Structures are given as structure tokens and as C-alpha cells.
Amino acid sequence: METIVYNPAKGRLETIEVALDPENTTWFEELPSSAEGIASITDVNGSLLIKEASHNYPLLCTGLSRSSINYDHRKARELVNQNQ
């Protein structure tokens, strides 16, 4: 599915193709709503896509993966905060 994301490496919005499935995505729906506001993290072509629970554009962090942040929603929140 085509998704509009914010790419801080390029400093702009862009459209990418993303397939969300259990093999490449970790969802945080089971966590309380106070779980730093991160809905999911997804591995996409050598990058990490972080989707917040809000209506903000997902953040595309190049050179990272779910495993590089230990599948941790708190580390994902730190990345979002660094790139705001």
C-alpha cells in the first residue's frame, strides 16, 4: 500500500510502498494508551517506519530496523522526538 511518510534524511514528505504484515511489523496495540503513543514499527527496505497513534505522518528512519532498537516502543518514541 502506498503511504506518505516523513523522511528526515531528505527533510521532506515522500510516498513509499509499504506492506504491513506480522513478519515485518510490531504492533503495540496491547500496550496501554500511555505506551509513548507509538502504534507500530515496521522494517521497510533497510529502514524503520515508526507510526504514532496520532494522525502525524509516519517517520522513516533510514539505516535502522526493529531489531536495532530492540523492538522497543520507548526507543521508537525517542527517535520521533529527535526528528520533530
N, C-alpha and C. Protein backbone atom coordinates (compact mmCIF):
# COMPACT_ATOMS: atom_id res chain seq x y z
N MET A 1 0.84 -1.16 0.00
CA MET A 1 0.00 0.00 0.00
C MET A 1 0.90 1.24 0.00
N GLU A 2 0.52 2.24 -0.77
CA GLU A 2 1.27 3.48 -0.78
C GLU A 2 0.99 4.26 0.50
N THR A 3 2.06 4.78 1.10
CA THR A 3 1.96 5.52 2.35
C THR A 3 2.80 6.78 2.25
N ILE A 4 2.26 7.90 2.71
CA ILE A 4 3.03 9.13 2.78
C ILE A 4 3.74 9.14 4.12
N VAL A 5 5.07 9.35 4.09
CA VAL A 5 5.90 9.32 5.29
C VAL A 5 6.76 10.58 5.33
N TYR A 6 7.23 10.91 6.53
CA TYR A 6 8.22 11.97 6.65
C TYR A 6 9.59 11.32 6.70
N ASN A 7 10.49 11.75 5.81
CA ASN A 7 11.84 11.22 5.75
C ASN A 7 12.79 12.33 6.20
N PRO A 8 13.28 12.29 7.46
CA PRO A 8 14.16 13.35 7.95
C PRO A 8 15.51 13.39 7.23
N ALA A 9 15.95 12.28 6.65
CA ALA A 9 17.21 12.28 5.91
C ALA A 9 17.11 13.17 4.68
N LYS A 10 15.90 13.27 4.11
CA LYS A 10 15.67 14.12 2.95
C LYS A 10 14.99 15.43 3.34
N GLY A 11 14.47 15.50 4.58
CA GLY A 11 13.81 16.71 5.05
C GLY A 11 12.49 16.99 4.39
N ARG A 12 11.79 15.93 3.99
CA ARG A 12 10.52 16.14 3.28
C ARG A 12 9.61 14.91 3.38
N LEU A 13 8.37 15.13 2.95
CA LEU A 13 7.43 14.02 2.83
C LEU A 13 7.71 13.29 1.53
N GLU A 14 7.45 11.98 1.54
CA GLU A 14 7.55 11.20 0.32
C GLU A 14 6.57 10.04 0.38
N THR A 15 6.27 9.48 -0.75
CA THR A 15 5.36 8.33 -0.83
C THR A 15 6.20 7.08 -1.05
N ILE A 16 5.96 6.07 -0.21
CA ILE A 16 6.67 4.79 -0.35
C ILE A 16 5.65 3.66 -0.38
N GLU A 17 6.08 2.53 -0.86
CA GLU A 17 5.26 1.32 -0.87
C GLU A 17 5.57 0.53 0.40
N VAL A 18 4.54 0.22 1.19
CA VAL A 18 4.71 -0.49 2.46
C VAL A 18 3.73 -1.65 2.53
N ALA A 19 4.23 -2.82 2.90
CA ALA A 19 3.39 -3.98 3.17
C ALA A 19 3.47 -4.26 4.67
N LEU A 20 2.36 -4.09 5.37
CA LEU A 20 2.33 -4.35 6.81
C LEU A 20 1.86 -5.77 7.04
N ASP A 21 2.71 -6.58 7.65
CA ASP A 21 2.35 -7.95 7.98
C ASP A 21 3.11 -8.38 9.23
N PRO A 22 2.72 -9.50 9.83
CA PRO A 22 3.37 -9.94 11.08
C PRO A 22 4.87 -10.20 10.95
N GLU A 23 5.36 -10.43 9.73
CA GLU A 23 6.78 -10.72 9.55
C GLU A 23 7.65 -9.48 9.62
N ASN A 24 7.08 -8.30 9.29
CA ASN A 24 7.91 -7.09 9.26
C ASN A 24 7.41 -5.98 10.18
N THR A 25 6.34 -6.23 10.93
CA THR A 25 5.73 -5.18 11.75
C THR A 25 5.51 -5.65 13.18
N THR A 26 5.80 -4.76 14.13
CA THR A 26 5.47 -4.98 15.54
C THR A 26 4.42 -3.94 15.91
N TRP A 27 3.25 -4.42 16.35
CA TRP A 27 2.17 -3.53 16.78
C TRP A 27 2.19 -3.42 18.30
N PHE A 28 1.84 -2.24 18.80
CA PHE A 28 1.83 -2.01 20.24
C PHE A 28 0.42 -1.77 20.76
N GLU A 29 -0.58 -2.29 20.09
CA GLU A 29 -1.97 -2.10 20.49
C GLU A 29 -2.28 -2.68 21.86
N GLU A 30 -1.56 -3.75 22.23
CA GLU A 30 -1.84 -4.41 23.51
C GLU A 30 -1.32 -3.61 24.69
N LEU A 31 -0.46 -2.63 24.42
CA LEU A 31 0.05 -1.80 25.50
C LEU A 31 -0.97 -0.72 25.86
N PRO A 32 -0.92 -0.20 27.07
CA PRO A 32 -1.84 0.87 27.45
C PRO A 32 -1.64 2.09 26.56
N SER A 33 -2.64 2.94 26.46
CA SER A 33 -2.56 4.11 25.60
C SER A 33 -1.42 5.03 26.01
N SER A 34 -0.90 4.86 27.21
CA SER A 34 0.24 5.67 27.64
C SER A 34 1.56 5.10 27.15
N ALA A 35 1.53 4.14 26.25
CA ALA A 35 2.75 3.48 25.75
C ALA A 35 3.48 4.37 24.76
N GLU A 36 3.72 5.60 25.20
CA GLU A 36 4.51 6.54 24.42
C GLU A 36 3.85 6.93 23.10
N GLY A 37 2.61 6.51 22.86
CA GLY A 37 1.89 6.90 21.66
C GLY A 37 2.40 6.29 20.37
N ILE A 38 3.15 5.19 20.43
CA ILE A 38 3.64 4.51 19.23
C ILE A 38 2.68 3.36 18.91
N ALA A 39 2.14 3.36 17.69
CA ALA A 39 1.20 2.32 17.29
C ALA A 39 1.92 1.10 16.71
N SER A 40 2.97 1.35 15.90
CA SER A 40 3.69 0.23 15.29
C SER A 40 5.06 0.67 14.79
N ILE A 41 5.91 -0.34 14.59
CA ILE A 41 7.21 -0.14 13.94
C ILE A 41 7.33 -1.21 12.86
N THR A 42 7.85 -0.81 11.69
CA THR A 42 7.89 -1.70 10.55
C THR A 42 9.23 -1.61 9.84
N ASP A 43 9.79 -2.75 9.47
CA ASP A 43 11.00 -2.79 8.65
C ASP A 43 10.60 -2.62 7.19
N VAL A 44 11.21 -1.62 6.53
CA VAL A 44 10.89 -1.33 5.13
C VAL A 44 12.19 -1.07 4.36
N ASN A 45 12.62 -2.01 3.56
CA ASN A 45 13.77 -1.82 2.67
C ASN A 45 14.97 -1.17 3.36
N GLY A 46 15.42 -1.72 4.47
CA GLY A 46 16.59 -1.21 5.17
C GLY A 46 16.34 0.03 6.00
N SER A 47 15.09 0.35 6.23
CA SER A 47 14.70 1.50 7.06
C SER A 47 13.67 1.06 8.08
N LEU A 48 13.46 1.93 9.06
CA LEU A 48 12.47 1.68 10.10
C LEU A 48 11.36 2.71 9.96
N LEU A 49 10.13 2.23 9.84
CA LEU A 49 8.96 3.10 9.75
C LEU A 49 8.26 3.09 11.11
N ILE A 50 8.13 4.28 11.71
CA ILE A 50 7.51 4.41 13.03
C ILE A 50 6.18 5.13 12.86
N LYS A 51 5.10 4.45 13.23
CA LYS A 51 3.77 5.04 13.14
C LYS A 51 3.28 5.36 14.54
N GLU A 52 2.92 6.64 14.73
CA GLU A 52 2.38 7.07 16.02
C GLU A 52 0.88 6.79 16.06
N ALA A 53 0.33 6.78 17.26
CA ALA A 53 -1.11 6.59 17.43
C ALA A 53 -1.88 7.83 16.99
N SER A 54 -1.18 8.96 16.86
CA SER A 54 -1.82 10.21 16.43
C SER A 54 -1.97 10.22 14.91
N HIS A 55 -2.41 11.33 14.39
CA HIS A 55 -2.61 11.47 12.95
C HIS A 55 -1.37 12.04 12.24
N ASN A 56 -0.22 12.05 12.90
CA ASN A 56 1.01 12.51 12.28
C ASN A 56 1.44 11.55 11.18
N TYR A 57 2.24 12.06 10.24
CA TYR A 57 2.79 11.17 9.22
C TYR A 57 3.77 10.20 9.88
N PRO A 58 3.81 8.95 9.42
CA PRO A 58 4.81 8.02 9.94
C PRO A 58 6.21 8.54 9.65
N LEU A 59 7.16 8.18 10.50
CA LEU A 59 8.55 8.62 10.37
C LEU A 59 9.37 7.49 9.78
N LEU A 60 10.15 7.79 8.73
CA LEU A 60 11.02 6.81 8.10
C LEU A 60 12.45 7.08 8.51
N CYS A 61 13.04 6.17 9.28
CA CYS A 61 14.41 6.31 9.77
C CYS A 61 15.32 5.37 8.98
N THR A 62 16.13 5.94 8.11
CA THR A 62 16.99 5.13 7.26
C THR A 62 18.13 4.51 8.08
N GLY A 63 18.52 3.30 7.67
CA GLY A 63 19.63 2.62 8.32
C GLY A 63 19.30 1.98 9.65
N LEU A 64 18.03 1.97 10.04
CA LEU A 64 17.63 1.34 11.30
C LEU A 64 16.65 0.21 11.02
N SER A 65 16.45 -0.64 12.02
CA SER A 65 15.48 -1.73 11.92
C SER A 65 14.83 -1.94 13.29
N ARG A 66 13.81 -2.77 13.31
CA ARG A 66 13.16 -3.08 14.59
C ARG A 66 14.16 -3.71 15.55
N SER A 67 14.99 -4.60 15.03
CA SER A 67 15.96 -5.27 15.91
C SER A 67 17.02 -4.30 16.42
N SER A 68 17.37 -3.28 15.64
CA SER A 68 18.41 -2.34 16.09
C SER A 68 17.93 -1.48 17.25
N ILE A 69 16.60 -1.37 17.44
CA ILE A 69 16.08 -0.66 18.61
C ILE A 69 15.44 -1.63 19.59
N ASN A 70 15.75 -2.91 19.43
CA ASN A 70 15.27 -3.98 20.33
C ASN A 70 13.75 -4.05 20.42
N TYR A 71 13.07 -3.72 19.31
CA TYR A 71 11.60 -3.80 19.24
C TYR A 71 10.94 -2.99 20.36
N ASP A 72 11.57 -1.91 20.77
CA ASP A 72 11.16 -1.13 21.95
C ASP A 72 10.41 0.14 21.55
N HIS A 73 9.18 0.29 22.02
CA HIS A 73 8.38 1.48 21.70
C HIS A 73 8.98 2.74 22.32
N ARG A 74 9.69 2.61 23.43
CA ARG A 74 10.32 3.80 24.05
C ARG A 74 11.46 4.33 23.17
N LYS A 75 12.24 3.43 22.60
CA LYS A 75 13.31 3.86 21.70
C LYS A 75 12.72 4.46 20.42
N ALA A 76 11.60 3.91 19.97
CA ALA A 76 10.92 4.49 18.80
C ALA A 76 10.45 5.90 19.13
N ARG A 77 9.91 6.11 20.33
CA ARG A 77 9.46 7.44 20.75
C ARG A 77 10.64 8.42 20.77
N GLU A 78 11.80 7.98 21.25
CA GLU A 78 12.99 8.84 21.27
C GLU A 78 13.36 9.27 19.86
N LEU A 79 13.29 8.35 18.90
CA LEU A 79 13.60 8.70 17.51
C LEU A 79 12.61 9.72 16.96
N VAL A 80 11.34 9.54 17.27
CA VAL A 80 10.33 10.51 16.82
C VAL A 80 10.61 11.87 17.43
N ASN A 81 10.90 11.92 18.72
CA ASN A 81 11.17 13.18 19.39
C ASN A 81 12.41 13.87 18.82
N GLN A 82 13.43 13.11 18.47
CA GLN A 82 14.65 13.68 17.90
C GLN A 82 14.41 14.30 16.53
N ASN A 83 13.39 13.81 15.83
CA ASN A 83 13.16 14.25 14.46
C ASN A 83 11.94 15.16 14.31
N GLN A 84 11.51 15.78 15.40
CA GLN A 84 10.37 16.69 15.31
C GLN A 84 10.84 18.09 15.07
